[in-house]
Amino acid sequence: MRKLVSALALIALASLALVACGGGSDTSTSTSTEASGGGGATTPAGGGGSSSTIKLAADPSQIAFDTKSLSAKAGNVTIDFDNPNDALPHDVCVEAEGDDDLGCSDQVTGSSTSLDLSNLKPGKYEFYCSVDSHRQAGMEGTLTVQ
């Protein structure tokens, strides 16, 4: 009897695990590289287009990003930013036309952070590093939202 109860409990747990990981969800993702120079984007499969994740990194040996051009779909956009440099802090900020700041990530040194941007409309945005004079040194680029 004890083995039967244990077996039934195991089956119930396995069923719950399969339901939690089930395939019918609209939240599955696929990865596609949409940015030149190494920036990649993860967008929802199934055509929702309401959110995307862009990967961006600082160049470990100079004051620069790994790309000057990123693209994403309109809607909610997350920029996953990696700074492999252990000695020099960087962040990523985004502004719309007219110098309207939309947000900045945390400054990081030798680690990663994210910047979440809500309801981006189609258009061109500038991304840049706000640390000291990094932007003036060329640490900036264009985010195209379609």
C-alpha atoms as a PDB file:
ATOM      1  CA  MET A   1       0.000   0.000   0.000  1.00  0.00           C
ATOM      2  CA  ARG A   2       2.862   2.374   0.906  1.00  0.00           C
ATOM      3  CA  LYS A   3       4.486   1.809  -2.523  1.00  0.00           C
ATOM      4  CA  LEU A   4       1.193   2.583  -4.260  1.00  0.00           C
ATOM      5  CA  VAL A   5       0.778   5.894  -2.404  1.00  0.00           C
ATOM      6  CA  SER A   6       4.395   6.818  -3.188  1.00  0.00           C
ATOM      7  CA  ALA A   7       3.925   5.941  -6.862  1.00  0.00           C
ATOM      8  CA  LEU A   8       0.724   7.999  -7.095  1.00  0.00           C
ATOM      9  CA  ALA A   9       2.419  10.966  -5.424  1.00  0.00           C
ATOM     10  CA  LEU A  10       5.316  10.701  -7.883  1.00  0.00           C
ATOM     11  CA  ILE A  11       2.932  10.584 -10.849  1.00  0.00           C
ATOM     12  CA  ALA A  12       1.048  13.628  -9.542  1.00  0.00           C
ATOM     13  CA  LEU A  13       4.298  15.600  -9.157  1.00  0.00           C
ATOM     14  CA  ALA A  14       5.459  14.581 -12.630  1.00  0.00           C
ATOM     15  CA  SER A  15       2.119  15.699 -14.093  1.00  0.00           C
ATOM     16  CA  LEU A  16       2.409  19.096 -12.404  1.00  0.00           C
ATOM     17  CA  ALA A  17       5.960  19.507 -13.671  1.00  0.00           C
ATOM     18  CA  LEU A  18       4.875  18.720 -17.235  1.00  0.00           C
ATOM     19  CA  VAL A  19       2.003  21.189 -17.047  1.00  0.00           C
ATOM     20  CA  ALA A  20       4.318  23.916 -15.719  1.00  0.00           C
ATOM     21  CA  CYS A  21       6.785  23.292 -18.542  1.00  0.00           C
ATOM     22  CA  GLY A  22       4.146  22.557 -21.183  1.00  0.00           C
ATOM     23  CA  GLY A  23       4.502  23.626 -24.783  1.00  0.00           C
ATOM     24  CA  GLY A  24       1.204  25.409 -25.484  1.00  0.00           C
ATOM     25  CA  SER A  25       2.303  28.731 -23.989  1.00  0.00           C
ATOM     26  CA  ASP A  26       2.789  31.979 -25.917  1.00  0.00           C
ATOM     27  CA  THR A  27       5.817  32.837 -23.778  1.00  0.00           C
ATOM     28  CA  SER A  28       8.323  30.651 -25.615  1.00  0.00           C
ATOM     29  CA  THR A  29      11.224  32.493 -27.203  1.00  0.00           C
ATOM     30  CA  SER A  30      13.507  32.085 -30.144  1.00  0.00           C
ATOM     31  CA  THR A  31      16.789  33.850 -30.707  1.00  0.00           C
ATOM     32  CA  SER A  32      17.606  35.849 -33.800  1.00  0.00           C
ATOM     33  CA  THR A  33      20.460  38.261 -34.404  1.00  0.00           C
ATOM     34  CA  GLU A  34      18.960  41.553 -35.461  1.00  0.00           C
ATOM     35  CA  ALA A  35      21.788  43.950 -34.756  1.00  0.00           C
ATOM     36  CA  SER A  36      24.961  44.403 -36.685  1.00  0.00           C
ATOM     37  CA  GLY A  37      28.226  43.922 -34.888  1.00  0.00           C
ATOM     38  CA  GLY A  38      27.144  41.197 -32.492  1.00  0.00           C
ATOM     39  CA  GLY A  39      24.029  42.488 -30.759  1.00  0.00           C
ATOM     40  CA  GLY A  40      21.387  39.765 -30.685  1.00  0.00           C
ATOM     41  CA  ALA A  41      17.703  39.872 -29.929  1.00  0.00           C
ATOM     42  CA  THR A  42      15.299  37.409 -28.417  1.00  0.00           C
ATOM     43  CA  THR A  43      11.715  37.926 -29.505  1.00  0.00           C
ATOM     44  CA  PRO A  44       8.538  35.999 -28.807  1.00  0.00           C
ATOM     45  CA  ALA A  45       7.771  33.137 -31.163  1.00  0.00           C
ATOM     46  CA  GLY A  46       4.174  33.165 -32.297  1.00  0.00           C
ATOM     47  CA  GLY A  47       4.219  36.727 -33.653  1.00  0.00           C
ATOM     48  CA  GLY A  48       3.146  38.741 -30.601  1.00  0.00           C
ATOM     49  CA  GLY A  49       5.939  41.261 -31.077  1.00  0.00           C
ATOM     50  CA  SER A  50       5.164  42.880 -27.742  1.00  0.00           C
ATOM     51  CA  SER A  51       8.602  42.388 -26.193  1.00  0.00           C
ATOM     52  CA  SER A  52      12.179  41.761 -27.194  1.00  0.00           C
ATOM     53  CA  THR A  53      15.550  41.388 -25.521  1.00  0.00           C
ATOM     54  CA  ILE A  54      18.699  42.843 -27.041  1.00  0.00           C
ATOM     55  CA  LYS A  55      22.217  41.862 -26.046  1.00  0.00           C
ATOM     56  CA  LEU A  56      24.839  44.591 -25.820  1.00  0.00           C
ATOM     57  CA  ALA A  57      28.376  44.516 -24.420  1.00  0.00           C
ATOM     58  CA  ALA A  58      31.176  46.930 -23.684  1.00  0.00           C
ATOM     59  CA  ASP A  59      34.439  46.362 -25.495  1.00  0.00           C
ATOM     60  CA  PRO A  60      36.804  45.020 -22.794  1.00  0.00           C
ATOM     61  CA  SER A  61      39.844  46.938 -24.068  1.00  0.00           C
ATOM     62  CA  GLN A  62      38.517  50.390 -24.963  1.00  0.00           C
ATOM     63  CA  ILE A  63      35.742  52.897 -24.281  1.00  0.00           C
ATOM     64  CA  ALA A  64      33.241  51.482 -26.796  1.00  0.00           C
ATOM     65  CA  PHE A  65      30.246  49.206 -27.188  1.00  0.00           C
ATOM     66  CA  ASP A  66      30.582  46.039 -29.267  1.00  0.00           C
ATOM     67  CA  THR A  67      28.175  47.555 -31.828  1.00  0.00           C
ATOM     68  CA  LYS A  68      26.900  50.973 -32.890  1.00  0.00           C
ATOM     69  CA  SER A  69      23.591  49.651 -34.231  1.00  0.00           C
ATOM     70  CA  LEU A  70      20.798  47.692 -32.526  1.00  0.00           C
ATOM     71  CA  SER A  71      17.259  46.876 -33.601  1.00  0.00           C
ATOM     72  CA  ALA A  72      14.142  45.663 -31.844  1.00  0.00           C
ATOM     73  CA  LYS A  73      10.430  45.290 -32.374  1.00  0.00           C
ATOM     74  CA  ALA A  74       8.066  47.944 -31.013  1.00  0.00           C
ATOM     75  CA  GLY A  75       6.771  47.313 -27.510  1.00  0.00           C
ATOM     76  CA  ASN A  76       8.657  46.404 -24.358  1.00  0.00           C
ATOM     77  CA  VAL A  77      12.408  46.163 -24.908  1.00  0.00           C
ATOM     78  CA  THR A  78      15.031  44.843 -22.502  1.00  0.00           C
ATOM     79  CA  ILE A  79      18.708  45.548 -23.094  1.00  0.00           C
ATOM     80  CA  ASP A  80      20.914  42.916 -21.448  1.00  0.00           C
ATOM     81  CA  PHE A  81      24.225  44.720 -21.001  1.00  0.00           C
ATOM     82  CA  ASP A  82      27.549  43.037 -20.193  1.00  0.00           C
ATOM     83  CA  ASN A  83      30.694  44.874 -19.118  1.00  0.00           C
ATOM     84  CA  PRO A  84      33.585  42.381 -18.957  1.00  0.00           C
ATOM     85  CA  ASN A  85      36.059  45.110 -17.928  1.00  0.00           C
ATOM     86  CA  ASP A  86      36.992  44.712 -14.254  1.00  0.00           C
ATOM     87  CA  ALA A  87      38.523  48.185 -13.956  1.00  0.00           C
ATOM     88  CA  LEU A  88      36.199  50.547 -15.837  1.00  0.00           C
ATOM     89  CA  PRO A  89      32.487  51.021 -15.037  1.00  0.00           C
ATOM     90  CA  HIS A  90      29.921  51.361 -17.843  1.00  0.00           C
ATOM     91  CA  ASP A  91      26.152  51.560 -18.195  1.00  0.00           C
ATOM     92  CA  VAL A  92      23.657  51.826 -21.040  1.00  0.00           C
ATOM     93  CA  CYS A  93      21.158  54.677 -21.340  1.00  0.00           C
ATOM     94  CA  VAL A  94      18.536  55.308 -24.016  1.00  0.00           C
ATOM     95  CA  GLU A  95      17.084  58.607 -25.166  1.00  0.00           C
ATOM     96  CA  ALA A  96      14.416  59.546 -27.693  1.00  0.00           C
ATOM     97  CA  GLU A  97      14.567  62.485 -30.073  1.00  0.00           C
ATOM     98  CA  GLY A  98      14.771  65.789 -28.263  1.00  0.00           C
ATOM     99  CA  ASP A  99      17.080  64.476 -25.527  1.00  0.00           C
ATOM    100  CA  ASP A 100      14.181  62.793 -23.714  1.00  0.00           C
ATOM    101  CA  ASP A 101      15.922  60.221 -21.455  1.00  0.00           C
ATOM    102  CA  LEU A 102      14.007  56.951 -21.310  1.00  0.00           C
ATOM    103  CA  GLY A 103      16.250  55.309 -18.710  1.00  0.00           C
ATOM    104  CA  CYS A 104      19.677  54.056 -17.696  1.00  0.00           C
ATOM    105  CA  SER A 105      20.913  50.736 -16.396  1.00  0.00           C
ATOM    106  CA  ASP A 106      23.036  50.420 -13.283  1.00  0.00           C
ATOM    107  CA  GLN A 107      26.742  51.112 -13.736  1.00  0.00           C
ATOM    108  CA  VAL A 108      28.603  47.803 -13.656  1.00  0.00           C
ATOM    109  CA  THR A 109      32.230  46.724 -13.570  1.00  0.00           C
ATOM    110  CA  GLY A 110      33.083  43.180 -14.595  1.00  0.00           C
ATOM    111  CA  SER A 111      29.430  42.078 -14.584  1.00  0.00           C
ATOM    112  CA  SER A 112      26.039  42.399 -16.289  1.00  0.00           C
ATOM    113  CA  THR A 113      22.840  44.386 -15.836  1.00  0.00           C
ATOM    114  CA  SER A 114      19.591  45.034 -17.709  1.00  0.00           C
ATOM    115  CA  LEU A 115      17.590  48.066 -18.792  1.00  0.00           C
ATOM    116  CA  ASP A 116      13.832  47.622 -19.283  1.00  0.00           C
ATOM    117  CA  LEU A 117      12.101  50.064 -21.620  1.00  0.00           C
ATOM    118  CA  SER A 118       8.299  50.043 -21.849  1.00  0.00           C
ATOM    119  CA  ASN A 119       6.137  50.637 -24.912  1.00  0.00           C
ATOM    120  CA  LEU A 120       8.795  51.816 -27.356  1.00  0.00           C
ATOM    121  CA  LYS A 121       7.217  53.139 -30.544  1.00  0.00           C
ATOM    122  CA  PRO A 122       8.754  52.617 -33.992  1.00  0.00           C
ATOM    123  CA  GLY A 123      11.571  55.057 -34.626  1.00  0.00           C
ATOM    124  CA  LYS A 124      15.224  55.740 -33.902  1.00  0.00           C
ATOM    125  CA  TYR A 125      16.655  56.087 -30.405  1.00  0.00           C
ATOM    126  CA  GLU A 126      20.180  56.779 -29.180  1.00  0.00           C
ATOM    127  CA  PHE A 127      21.904  54.479 -26.690  1.00  0.00           C
ATOM    128  CA  TYR A 128      25.015  55.599 -24.847  1.00  0.00           C
ATOM    129  CA  CYS A 129      27.200  55.201 -21.762  1.00  0.00           C
ATOM    130  CA  SER A 130      26.632  58.007 -19.232  1.00  0.00           C
ATOM    131  CA  VAL A 131      29.838  57.418 -17.240  1.00  0.00           C
ATOM    132  CA  ASP A 132      32.162  60.456 -17.207  1.00  0.00           C
ATOM    133  CA  SER A 133      32.843  61.466 -20.825  1.00  0.00           C
ATOM    134  CA  HIS A 134      32.378  58.005 -22.365  1.00  0.00           C
ATOM    135  CA  ARG A 135      29.617  59.199 -24.708  1.00  0.00           C
ATOM    136  CA  GLN A 136      31.797  62.029 -25.954  1.00  0.00           C
ATOM    137  CA  ALA A 137      34.558  59.459 -26.535  1.00  0.00           C
ATOM    138  CA  GLY A 138      32.236  57.589 -28.922  1.00  0.00           C
ATOM    139  CA  MET A 139      30.464  55.109 -26.643  1.00  0.00           C
ATOM    140  CA  GLU A 140      27.062  55.526 -28.302  1.00  0.00           C
ATOM    141  CA  GLY A 141      24.918  54.072 -31.054  1.00  0.00           C
ATOM    142  CA  THR A 142      21.473  53.912 -32.629  1.00  0.00           C
ATOM    143  CA  LEU A 143      18.579  51.654 -31.614  1.00  0.00           C
ATOM    144  CA  THR A 144      16.070  51.228 -34.438  1.00  0.00           C
ATOM    145  CA  VAL A 145      12.608  50.122 -33.320  1.00  0.00           C
ATOM    146  CA  GLN A 146      10.280  48.708 -35.993  1.00  0.00           C
END
